[in-house]
Protein backbone atom coordinates (compact mmCIF):
# COMPACT_ATOMS: atom_id res chain seq x y z
CA MET A 1 -2.75 -16.21 -21.26
CA SER A 2 -5.39 -15.69 -18.66
CA ARG A 3 -2.80 -16.24 -15.89
CA ILE A 4 -0.66 -13.34 -17.31
CA PHE A 5 -3.77 -11.23 -17.10
CA ASP A 6 -4.45 -12.04 -13.70
CA GLU A 7 -0.93 -11.38 -12.68
CA ILE A 8 -1.09 -8.02 -14.44
CA ARG A 9 -4.51 -7.27 -12.66
CA ALA A 10 -3.00 -8.37 -9.13
CA GLU A 11 0.07 -6.09 -9.78
CA ALA A 12 -2.12 -3.20 -10.79
CA ALA A 13 -4.40 -3.82 -7.66
CA HIS A 14 -1.28 -3.95 -5.50
CA GLU A 15 -0.02 -0.52 -6.71
CA CYS A 16 -3.45 1.10 -6.19
CA SER A 17 -3.31 -0.29 -2.71
CA LEU A 18 0.10 1.31 -2.20
CA GLU A 19 -0.95 4.72 -3.49
CA ALA A 20 -4.00 4.70 -1.24
CA ALA A 21 -1.67 3.64 1.80
CA GLY A 22 0.58 6.59 0.85
CA ARG A 23 -2.34 8.96 1.02
CA LEU A 24 -3.71 7.54 4.34
CA LEU A 25 -0.03 7.78 5.78
CA ALA A 26 0.10 11.46 4.48
CA ASP A 27 -3.23 11.97 6.30
CA ASN A 28 -1.74 10.95 9.60
CA ARG A 29 -5.13 9.93 11.12
CA PHE A 30 -4.83 6.01 10.83
CA SER A 31 -2.48 3.77 12.53
CA HIS A 32 -0.34 1.43 10.37
CA GLU A 33 -2.60 -1.46 11.52
CA GLU A 34 -5.59 0.14 10.19
CA ILE A 35 -4.00 1.10 6.98
CA ALA A 36 -2.96 -2.50 6.54
CA LYS A 37 -6.33 -3.68 7.16
CA TYR A 38 -8.21 -1.34 4.90
CA THR A 39 -5.64 -1.65 2.02
CA GLU A 40 -5.16 -5.27 2.31
CA LEU A 41 -1.21 -4.68 2.35
CA THR A 42 0.84 -6.35 5.03
CA LEU A 43 2.10 -4.29 7.96
CA ASP A 44 5.65 -4.57 6.78
CA GLU A 45 4.70 -3.08 3.34
CA ILE A 46 2.88 -0.21 5.25
CA GLU A 47 6.00 0.32 7.44
CA GLU A 48 8.34 0.21 4.80
CA LEU A 49 6.12 2.74 2.88
CA ALA A 50 6.01 4.87 5.88
CA ARG A 51 9.96 4.99 6.03
CA LYS A 52 10.22 5.91 2.41
CA ILE A 53 7.74 8.74 2.96
CA ALA A 54 9.59 9.93 6.02
CA ALA A 55 13.05 9.71 4.21
CA SER A 56 11.76 11.82 1.41
CA SER A 57 10.25 14.40 3.70
C-alpha cells in the first residue's frame, strides 16, 4: 500500500514540476537547461513542454 502512495506522491510532484516549468518558460528569462535544473525535469521534458506551449500560442 505504501508503494502506491509513493507513486501517487511522485506523480503529483512531477505534475507540479511541469506546471512550474510551464510558468518559467512563459516568463522567457531562463534557458531550458536552467529550467531543467531548477525543476528536476529532464531537458527532453522541458523541450517537449516548450514545443507544446509554442504550438498552442
